[in-house]
Amino acid sequence: MMKCNKNVLVIAMAMAMAGISGSALASDTLADAFSDGQFKGQVKSYYFDESYDSNEAADNNIWANGGFVNYNTAEFYGFSFGTTLQTSHVTSIDDPADKMKTSMNAQGAVMSESYIGYKYNNTSLKGGRQYMALPLIKSSGSRLIKESFEAYSITNTDLPNTLVSLANVTKYQTRTDKATKYTNAATFFNDDVQRGDVGGFYDIGTDGAVSLYIKNNSVENLNLQAHYVDFIDEVADLYVDATYTFGGEFHPFVAAQYYGSNYDDAATEDSSLMGYKVGASFSGYNVHASYTTVDQDGSVNRGIGEAATASFTSSTLTSGNYNADADTWQVGVAKSFADLKLKLVHTETDNPISKNQLTQTYLDVGYTLSGAFKGCSTSIRYTVYDYGTDADAKDKGELRAKFFYSF
């Protein structure tokens, strides 16, 4: 299994920067690089409500407000700097069972991004706190505080129609400081006093993770991507998918995916997942059907970050999709009407663990405002859950209402 000291990539980046000269100037002076930089941000207001059919004591609701501000300098001799500050404040909460402790119930602020970038021709380097969006390492923004990582990466696009990215990922910033390694797929260590603050940056495993990502679209209409991550001394994960889009009026597509998890602990069974997906467009309606199945001997490690859910049957809640011997199927339809977007998805998971048997259906409505409210948008998702069988059976309805103002 691949091993890597977490300082290796940092040293390599420093050597590369020292040896490269002649980059084109984007700003004439360092002062110009900062004055030519760009600010952006977002004000966010989220209201979540869960109502259980069989356990009223578990009912909960929370209203939290916050947002982020982001600043990026212009390039100066190829160098740039970026930073993002996030904040969350709970306005009201009724959560006797503490259901929101790991996701929304957080007070405070966190510097989620603070990185230095360097670009020369088709090669980019980036080091520091940053958001990531890879199949096995992905920041979730579904809650008020978006997850982040501390990472050191190099990306190159010299090969025709190909992107290659190598990274050493050392830390993971959670949504709240009450999130622990038991609430995420891959291990991280949160040893801080858990007081209900926003999440901090915690060590990933014993020595971080090494990531290799490749994306290629050399063949017309065929998109390929592969992601390998070695969570050092814990588990090595491989993810591969391929999507082929046909021509014609309906733009049909077929796709296949593979997960493979190889655990260092001999007591944990290695496992794999296969997924299949088809879809097309009819009169502006985008429809799809998908299916995933997991090896019966062990569960698949889906990666780290709550958005690391690349399964073709990913839905509002899909942690059970990666359990040993789980079979999941899904159908969905989406339609856009100018500023209005609608999406309806139904997912069923057949899981040998009774409490992880799950049928869920959600309707997602998104609307972008205009005129005097330009920059504002809303998102409302209502999900109906049917959990478990026999003694584990329980149902609930969940509302997620979000308001955004982007500037």
Protein backbone atom coordinates (compact mmCIF):
# COMPACT_ATOMS: atom_id res chain seq x y z
CA MET A 1 0.00 0.00 0.00
CA MET A 2 1.20 3.49 -0.86
CA LYS A 3 2.99 5.36 1.95
CA CYS A 4 3.89 9.03 2.08
CA ASN A 5 5.33 11.41 4.65
CA LYS A 6 3.01 14.38 4.97
CA ASN A 7 5.86 16.85 4.37
CA VAL A 8 7.00 15.32 1.08
CA LEU A 9 4.57 17.25 -1.10
CA VAL A 10 5.27 20.51 0.71
CA ILE A 11 9.01 20.15 0.05
CA ALA A 12 8.36 19.20 -3.58
CA MET A 13 6.16 22.24 -4.06
CA ALA A 14 8.78 24.56 -2.58
CA MET A 15 11.46 23.14 -4.87
CA ALA A 16 9.18 23.50 -7.89
CA MET A 17 8.41 27.11 -7.05
CA ALA A 18 12.06 27.95 -6.54
CA GLY A 19 13.03 26.46 -9.89
CA ILE A 20 10.32 28.03 -12.06
CA SER A 21 10.60 31.52 -13.45
CA GLY A 22 9.13 33.55 -16.24
CA SER A 23 5.44 33.36 -15.34
CA ALA A 24 3.27 35.97 -16.93
CA LEU A 25 2.29 38.85 -14.67
CA ALA A 26 -1.37 39.26 -13.81
CA SER A 27 -0.63 42.25 -11.55
CA ASP A 28 2.36 44.57 -11.86
CA THR A 29 3.00 44.85 -8.11
CA LEU A 30 2.16 42.95 -4.97
CA ALA A 31 -0.04 45.86 -3.91
CA ASP A 32 -1.95 45.57 -7.20
CA ALA A 33 -2.45 41.85 -6.63
CA PHE A 34 -4.31 42.63 -3.40
CA SER A 35 -6.17 45.68 -4.68
CA ASP A 36 -7.24 43.77 -7.83
CA GLY A 37 -8.49 40.85 -5.72
CA GLN A 38 -12.14 39.91 -5.50
CA PHE A 39 -14.51 39.67 -2.54
CA LYS A 40 -17.63 37.55 -2.56
CA GLY A 41 -19.90 36.16 0.09
CA GLN A 42 -23.24 34.77 1.06
CA VAL A 43 -25.76 35.35 3.83
CA LYS A 44 -27.54 32.11 4.78
CA SER A 45 -30.61 31.27 6.83
CA TYR A 46 -31.48 27.59 7.37
CA TYR A 47 -34.51 26.03 9.06
CA PHE A 48 -34.60 22.23 9.58
CA ASP A 49 -37.50 20.27 11.09
CA GLU A 50 -37.83 16.53 11.77
CA SER A 51 -41.07 14.87 12.88
CA TYR A 52 -41.10 11.16 13.86
CA ASP A 53 -44.24 9.06 13.66
CA SER A 54 -43.27 6.67 16.45
CA ASN A 55 -41.14 8.77 18.82
CA GLU A 56 -42.28 12.30 19.52
CA ALA A 57 -39.37 12.79 21.93
CA ALA A 58 -37.03 12.70 18.91
CA ASP A 59 -38.85 15.52 17.10
CA ASN A 60 -36.65 18.55 16.60
CA ASN A 61 -36.27 21.82 14.78
CA ILE A 62 -33.52 24.39 14.46
CA TRP A 63 -33.15 27.81 12.87
CA ALA A 64 -29.58 28.96 12.27
CA ASN A 65 -28.17 32.01 10.50
CA GLY A 66 -24.73 32.88 9.22
CA GLY A 67 -22.77 32.85 6.00
CA PHE A 68 -19.31 33.39 4.61
CA VAL A 69 -17.00 35.96 3.08
CA ASN A 70 -14.32 34.98 0.58
CA TYR A 71 -11.36 36.94 -0.80
CA ASN A 72 -8.95 35.96 -3.58
CA THR A 73 -6.01 38.04 -4.76
CA ALA A 74 -5.11 38.47 -8.40
CA GLU A 75 -2.05 36.55 -9.60
CA PHE A 76 1.41 38.01 -9.00
CA TYR A 77 4.24 36.14 -10.77
CA GLY A 78 1.88 33.14 -10.78
CA PHE A 79 1.18 33.31 -7.05
CA SER A 80 -2.20 33.99 -5.46
CA PHE A 81 -3.79 33.85 -2.02
CA GLY A 82 -7.33 32.93 -0.98
CA THR A 83 -9.25 32.89 2.27
CA THR A 84 -12.80 32.15 3.43
CA LEU A 85 -14.34 32.91 6.84
CA GLN A 86 -17.56 31.11 7.83
CA THR A 87 -19.89 31.86 10.72
CA SER A 88 -22.92 30.15 12.28
CA HIS A 89 -25.34 31.33 14.97
CA VAL A 90 -28.31 29.35 16.25
CA THR A 91 -31.34 31.64 16.54
CA SER A 92 -33.73 29.04 17.96
CA ILE A 93 -33.65 25.31 18.65
CA ASP A 94 -35.93 22.64 20.08
CA ASP A 95 -33.91 19.43 20.10
CA PRO A 96 -34.38 17.39 23.31
CA ALA A 97 -32.64 14.32 21.87
CA ASP A 98 -29.66 16.39 20.62
CA LYS A 99 -30.13 15.17 17.04
CA MET A 100 -28.50 18.27 15.54
CA LYS A 101 -25.30 18.19 17.60
CA THR A 102 -23.06 17.00 14.75
CA SER A 103 -24.55 18.97 11.89
CA MET A 104 -26.36 22.27 12.60
CA ASN A 105 -26.10 23.14 16.31
CA ALA A 106 -22.94 25.23 16.15
CA GLN A 107 -22.03 28.72 17.33
CA GLY A 108 -18.99 30.69 16.19
CA ALA A 109 -16.69 31.24 13.24
CA VAL A 110 -13.94 29.32 11.47
CA MET A 111 -11.31 30.21 8.88
CA SER A 112 -12.19 27.40 6.47
CA GLU A 113 -9.89 28.49 3.64
CA SER A 114 -6.45 30.04 3.82
CA TYR A 115 -4.22 28.88 1.00
CA ILE A 116 -1.42 29.92 -1.31
CA GLY A 117 -1.66 28.96 -4.97
CA TYR A 118 0.87 28.97 -7.78
CA LYS A 119 0.24 28.49 -11.50
CA TYR A 120 2.73 28.02 -14.32
CA ASN A 121 1.47 27.06 -17.78
CA ASN A 122 -0.67 23.94 -17.22
CA THR A 123 0.53 23.17 -13.70
CA SER A 124 -1.12 24.46 -10.53
CA LEU A 125 0.00 24.07 -6.93
CA LYS A 126 -2.11 24.80 -3.87
CA GLY A 127 -1.33 24.48 -0.18
CA GLY A 128 -3.32 25.20 2.97
CA ARG A 129 -6.92 25.12 4.11
CA GLN A 130 -9.26 24.63 1.17
CA TYR A 131 -12.54 23.16 -0.03
CA MET A 132 -12.21 19.93 -2.01
CA ALA A 133 -14.59 18.26 -4.47
CA LEU A 134 -13.29 14.80 -5.38
CA PRO A 135 -15.26 11.53 -5.30
CA LEU A 136 -13.59 10.23 -2.11
CA ILE A 137 -12.69 13.58 -0.48
CA LYS A 138 -15.46 16.14 -0.70
CA SER A 139 -16.63 19.13 1.35
CA SER A 140 -20.33 19.12 2.21
CA GLY A 141 -22.16 22.44 2.06
CA SER A 142 -25.61 21.08 2.91
CA ARG A 143 -25.42 22.58 6.42
CA LEU A 144 -24.62 26.13 7.50
CA ILE A 145 -20.89 25.38 8.00
CA LYS A 146 -19.26 23.91 4.90
CA GLU A 147 -16.60 21.30 5.56
CA SER A 148 -13.00 21.94 4.55
CA PHE A 149 -9.59 20.26 4.47
CA GLU A 150 -5.93 21.08 4.93
CA ALA A 151 -4.16 19.79 1.84
CA TYR A 152 -1.13 20.24 -0.44
CA SER A 153 -1.75 19.46 -4.10
CA ILE A 154 -0.31 19.66 -7.60
CA THR A 155 -2.56 19.54 -10.69
CA ASN A 156 -1.49 19.22 -14.32
CA THR A 157 -3.35 19.27 -17.66
CA ASP A 158 -0.43 18.77 -20.09
CA LEU A 159 -1.79 15.44 -21.33
CA PRO A 160 -4.51 15.95 -23.98
CA ASN A 161 -8.01 16.03 -22.49
CA THR A 162 -6.64 14.81 -19.17
CA LEU A 163 -6.40 16.27 -15.68
CA VAL A 164 -4.07 14.67 -13.12
CA SER A 165 -4.03 15.75 -9.47
CA LEU A 166 -1.82 14.49 -6.63
CA ALA A 167 -2.48 15.63 -3.06
CA ASN A 168 -1.51 15.02 0.55
CA VAL A 169 -4.54 15.70 2.78
CA THR A 170 -3.73 16.08 6.46
CA LYS A 171 -6.71 17.62 8.28
CA TYR A 172 -10.51 17.71 8.10
CA GLN A 173 -12.74 20.55 9.32
CA THR A 174 -16.14 19.30 10.49
CA ARG A 175 -19.50 21.09 10.68
CA THR A 176 -19.52 21.22 14.49
CA ASP A 177 -17.01 20.29 17.16
CA LYS A 178 -19.29 17.47 18.31
CA ALA A 179 -18.67 15.48 15.11
CA THR A 180 -16.43 12.46 15.79
CA LYS A 181 -14.83 9.74 13.71
CA TYR A 182 -17.95 7.65 14.31
CA THR A 183 -20.07 10.12 12.33
CA ASN A 184 -17.94 9.96 9.18
CA ALA A 185 -16.73 7.17 6.90
CA ALA A 186 -12.96 7.64 7.32
CA THR A 187 -11.21 8.17 10.65
CA PHE A 188 -10.28 11.57 12.02
CA PHE A 189 -9.42 12.59 15.55
CA ASN A 190 -11.39 15.26 17.38
CA ASP A 191 -9.78 15.59 20.83
CA ASP A 192 -11.05 19.12 21.48
CA VAL A 193 -13.50 19.94 24.26
CA GLN A 194 -16.89 19.60 22.57
CA ARG A 195 -18.86 22.69 23.54
CA GLY A 196 -21.13 23.16 20.53
CA ASP A 197 -18.78 25.43 18.58
CA VAL A 198 -18.22 25.25 14.83
CA GLY A 199 -15.93 22.43 13.77
CA GLY A 200 -12.15 22.70 13.88
CA PHE A 201 -9.40 21.14 11.76
CA TYR A 202 -8.69 17.62 13.02
CA ASP A 203 -5.97 15.12 12.07
CA ILE A 204 -6.97 12.52 9.47
CA GLY A 205 -5.97 9.07 10.67
CA THR A 206 -2.42 8.54 11.90
CA ASP A 207 -0.58 10.25 9.04
CA GLY A 208 -3.12 11.83 6.71
CA ALA A 209 -4.15 10.60 3.29
CA VAL A 210 -2.52 10.48 -0.15
CA SER A 211 -4.84 11.18 -3.09
CA LEU A 212 -4.38 10.59 -6.83
CA TYR A 213 -7.18 11.79 -9.13
CA ILE A 214 -7.38 11.42 -12.93
CA LYS A 215 -10.07 12.72 -15.27
CA ASN A 216 -10.15 12.07 -19.02
CA ASN A 217 -12.52 12.83 -21.91
CA SER A 218 -10.32 11.86 -24.88
CA VAL A 219 -13.09 9.77 -26.42
CA GLU A 220 -15.97 11.86 -27.70
CA ASN A 221 -19.03 11.72 -25.42
CA LEU A 222 -17.19 9.52 -22.89
CA ASN A 223 -16.15 10.94 -19.50
CA LEU A 224 -13.86 8.87 -17.29
CA GLN A 225 -12.59 9.55 -13.78
CA ALA A 226 -10.60 7.56 -11.22
CA HIS A 227 -9.73 8.44 -7.65
CA TYR A 228 -7.31 6.52 -5.40
CA VAL A 229 -6.91 7.48 -1.74
CA ASP A 230 -4.64 5.81 0.80
CA PHE A 231 -5.79 6.69 4.33
CA ILE A 232 -2.37 5.69 5.66
CA ASP A 233 -2.34 2.66 7.98
CA GLU A 234 -6.13 2.38 7.76
CA VAL A 235 -7.67 1.75 4.33
CA ALA A 236 -6.94 2.24 0.63
CA ASP A 237 -9.93 3.21 -1.52
CA LEU A 238 -10.32 3.16 -5.30
CA TYR A 239 -13.19 4.83 -7.12
CA VAL A 240 -13.76 4.64 -10.91
CA ASP A 241 -16.69 5.72 -13.07
CA ALA A 242 -17.48 6.12 -16.75
CA THR A 243 -20.37 7.99 -18.41
CA TYR A 244 -21.25 7.78 -22.09
CA THR A 245 -23.74 10.26 -23.58
CA PHE A 246 -25.44 9.45 -26.89
CA GLY A 247 -26.51 12.00 -29.45
CA GLY A 248 -30.03 12.61 -30.67
CA GLU A 249 -33.03 14.48 -29.40
CA PHE A 250 -33.23 12.83 -25.95
CA HIS A 251 -29.48 12.79 -25.06
CA PRO A 252 -29.61 9.38 -23.37
CA PHE A 253 -26.64 8.30 -21.23
CA VAL A 254 -25.34 5.16 -19.54
CA ALA A 255 -22.88 5.08 -16.65
CA ALA A 256 -21.08 2.56 -14.45
CA GLN A 257 -19.07 2.98 -11.24
CA TYR A 258 -16.82 0.93 -8.96
CA TYR A 259 -15.70 1.34 -5.35
CA GLY A 260 -13.02 -0.85 -3.79
CA SER A 261 -11.87 -0.74 -0.15
CA ASN A 262 -8.75 -2.56 1.05
CA TYR A 263 -8.44 -2.40 4.86
CA ASP A 264 -5.14 -2.60 6.76
CA ASP A 265 -6.87 -4.27 9.70
CA ALA A 266 -7.06 -7.97 8.86
CA ALA A 267 -10.19 -8.27 11.00
CA THR A 268 -12.08 -5.95 8.63
CA GLU A 269 -13.26 -7.53 5.39
CA ASP A 270 -12.25 -5.87 2.12
CA SER A 271 -15.21 -4.93 -0.03
CA SER A 272 -16.44 -3.44 -3.29
CA LEU A 273 -19.49 -1.67 -4.73
CA MET A 274 -20.78 -1.66 -8.29
CA GLY A 275 -23.23 0.91 -9.61
CA TYR A 276 -25.17 1.45 -12.84
CA LYS A 277 -27.17 4.41 -14.10
CA VAL A 278 -29.20 5.34 -17.19
CA GLY A 279 -31.01 8.53 -18.06
CA ALA A 280 -32.37 10.81 -20.78
CA SER A 281 -34.20 14.10 -21.38
CA PHE A 282 -37.79 14.34 -22.60
CA SER A 283 -39.37 17.74 -23.30
CA GLY A 284 -37.10 19.35 -20.70
CA TYR A 285 -37.62 16.61 -18.10
CA ASN A 286 -34.40 14.90 -17.02
CA VAL A 287 -35.07 11.36 -15.83
CA HIS A 288 -32.74 8.70 -14.45
CA ALA A 289 -32.73 5.24 -12.90
CA SER A 290 -29.80 3.78 -10.95
CA TYR A 291 -28.78 0.71 -8.97
CA THR A 292 -25.89 -0.07 -6.62
CA THR A 293 -24.85 -3.30 -4.90
CA VAL A 294 -22.18 -4.00 -2.25
CA ASP A 295 -20.11 -7.16 -1.75
CA GLN A 296 -21.71 -9.37 0.90
CA ASP A 297 -18.49 -9.86 2.91
CA GLY A 298 -17.76 -6.28 3.99
CA SER A 299 -18.75 -2.63 3.86
CA VAL A 300 -17.23 -0.03 1.54
CA ASN A 301 -15.44 3.04 2.90
CA ARG A 302 -16.93 5.92 0.90
CA GLY A 303 -14.16 8.40 1.80
CA ILE A 304 -14.08 11.47 4.03
CA GLY A 305 -16.35 14.50 4.08
CA GLU A 306 -20.11 14.18 4.36
CA ALA A 307 -20.43 14.94 0.61
CA ALA A 308 -18.17 12.00 -0.28
CA THR A 309 -21.22 10.09 -1.49
CA ALA A 310 -20.51 9.43 -5.17
CA SER A 311 -22.84 6.42 -5.23
CA PHE A 312 -25.29 6.63 -8.14
CA THR A 313 -28.07 6.06 -5.58
CA SER A 314 -27.03 8.96 -3.33
CA SER A 315 -30.02 10.70 -1.73
CA THR A 316 -30.84 12.79 1.36
CA LEU A 317 -29.60 9.98 3.60
CA THR A 318 -27.54 7.18 2.05
CA SER A 319 -25.04 5.96 4.66
CA GLY A 320 -26.64 2.49 4.52
CA ASN A 321 -25.95 2.23 0.79
CA TYR A 322 -22.32 1.31 1.54
CA ASN A 323 -23.00 -1.47 4.07
CA ALA A 324 -22.12 -5.08 3.28
CA ASP A 325 -24.67 -6.85 1.07
CA ALA A 326 -26.77 -3.69 0.58
CA ASP A 327 -28.71 -3.29 -2.67
CA THR A 328 -30.15 0.13 -3.55
CA TRP A 329 -32.19 1.38 -6.49
CA GLN A 330 -33.35 4.87 -7.35
CA VAL A 331 -35.50 6.73 -9.87
CA GLY A 332 -35.72 10.48 -10.30
CA VAL A 333 -37.01 13.29 -12.48
CA ALA A 334 -35.97 16.97 -12.64
CA LYS A 335 -37.39 19.95 -14.50
CA SER A 336 -36.44 23.63 -14.79
CA PHE A 337 -38.97 26.39 -15.44
CA ALA A 338 -36.98 29.63 -15.89
CA ASP A 339 -36.06 30.55 -12.26
CA LEU A 340 -37.87 27.55 -10.76
CA LYS A 341 -36.23 24.13 -10.43
CA LEU A 342 -38.02 20.94 -9.32
CA LYS A 343 -36.60 17.52 -8.52
CA LEU A 344 -38.36 14.37 -7.30
CA VAL A 345 -36.31 11.31 -6.24
CA HIS A 346 -37.34 7.94 -4.79
CA THR A 347 -34.72 5.61 -3.28
CA GLU A 348 -35.01 2.16 -1.69
CA THR A 349 -32.22 0.33 0.16
CA ASP A 350 -32.42 -3.39 0.96
CA ASN A 351 -29.98 -3.74 3.86
CA PRO A 352 -29.32 -6.89 5.94
CA ILE A 353 -29.13 -4.63 9.03
CA SER A 354 -32.80 -4.08 9.89
CA LYS A 355 -32.43 -0.50 11.16
CA ASN A 356 -30.65 0.46 7.91
CA GLN A 357 -33.49 -0.70 5.68
CA LEU A 358 -34.70 2.57 4.21
CA THR A 359 -37.20 3.89 1.70
CA GLN A 360 -37.03 7.63 1.11
CA THR A 361 -38.71 10.05 -1.27
CA TYR A 362 -37.88 13.74 -1.54
CA LEU A 363 -39.17 16.74 -3.43
CA ASP A 364 -36.68 19.56 -3.91
CA VAL A 365 -37.82 23.03 -4.99
CA GLY A 366 -35.36 25.80 -5.83
CA TYR A 367 -36.21 29.35 -6.85
CA THR A 368 -34.01 32.27 -7.86
CA LEU A 369 -35.45 35.73 -7.16
CA SER A 370 -34.96 38.79 -9.37
CA GLY A 371 -35.72 42.49 -9.49
CA ALA A 372 -35.43 44.14 -6.07
CA PHE A 373 -34.39 40.75 -4.64
CA LYS A 374 -31.64 40.04 -7.16
CA GLY A 375 -28.99 37.82 -5.57
CA CYS A 376 -31.52 35.99 -3.40
CA SER A 377 -32.51 32.35 -3.80
CA THR A 378 -34.39 29.73 -1.85
CA SER A 379 -34.29 25.96 -1.57
CA ILE A 380 -36.90 23.73 0.08
CA ARG A 381 -36.57 19.96 0.37
CA TYR A 382 -39.10 17.69 2.02
CA THR A 383 -38.15 14.05 2.54
CA VAL A 384 -40.35 11.17 3.72
CA TYR A 385 -38.40 8.33 5.38
CA ASP A 386 -39.58 4.78 6.09
CA TYR A 387 -36.92 3.13 8.26
CA GLY A 388 -36.33 -0.46 9.29
CA THR A 389 -38.50 -3.49 9.81
CA ASP A 390 -40.31 -5.02 12.79
CA ALA A 391 -38.99 -3.58 16.08
CA ASP A 392 -36.65 -1.22 14.17
CA ALA A 393 -39.46 0.27 12.08
CA LYS A 394 -39.87 4.04 12.26
CA ASP A 395 -40.98 6.79 9.93
CA LYS A 396 -40.30 10.49 9.82
CA GLY A 397 -40.74 13.57 7.68
CA GLU A 398 -37.95 16.11 7.29
CA LEU A 399 -38.12 19.69 6.05
CA ARG A 400 -35.02 21.62 5.01
CA ALA A 401 -35.72 25.24 4.10
CA LYS A 402 -32.84 27.50 3.05
CA PHE A 403 -32.53 31.15 2.06
CA PHE A 404 -29.42 32.65 0.44
CA TYR A 405 -28.28 36.13 -0.48
CA SER A 406 -25.12 36.07 -2.61
CA PHE A 407 -22.98 39.13 -3.16
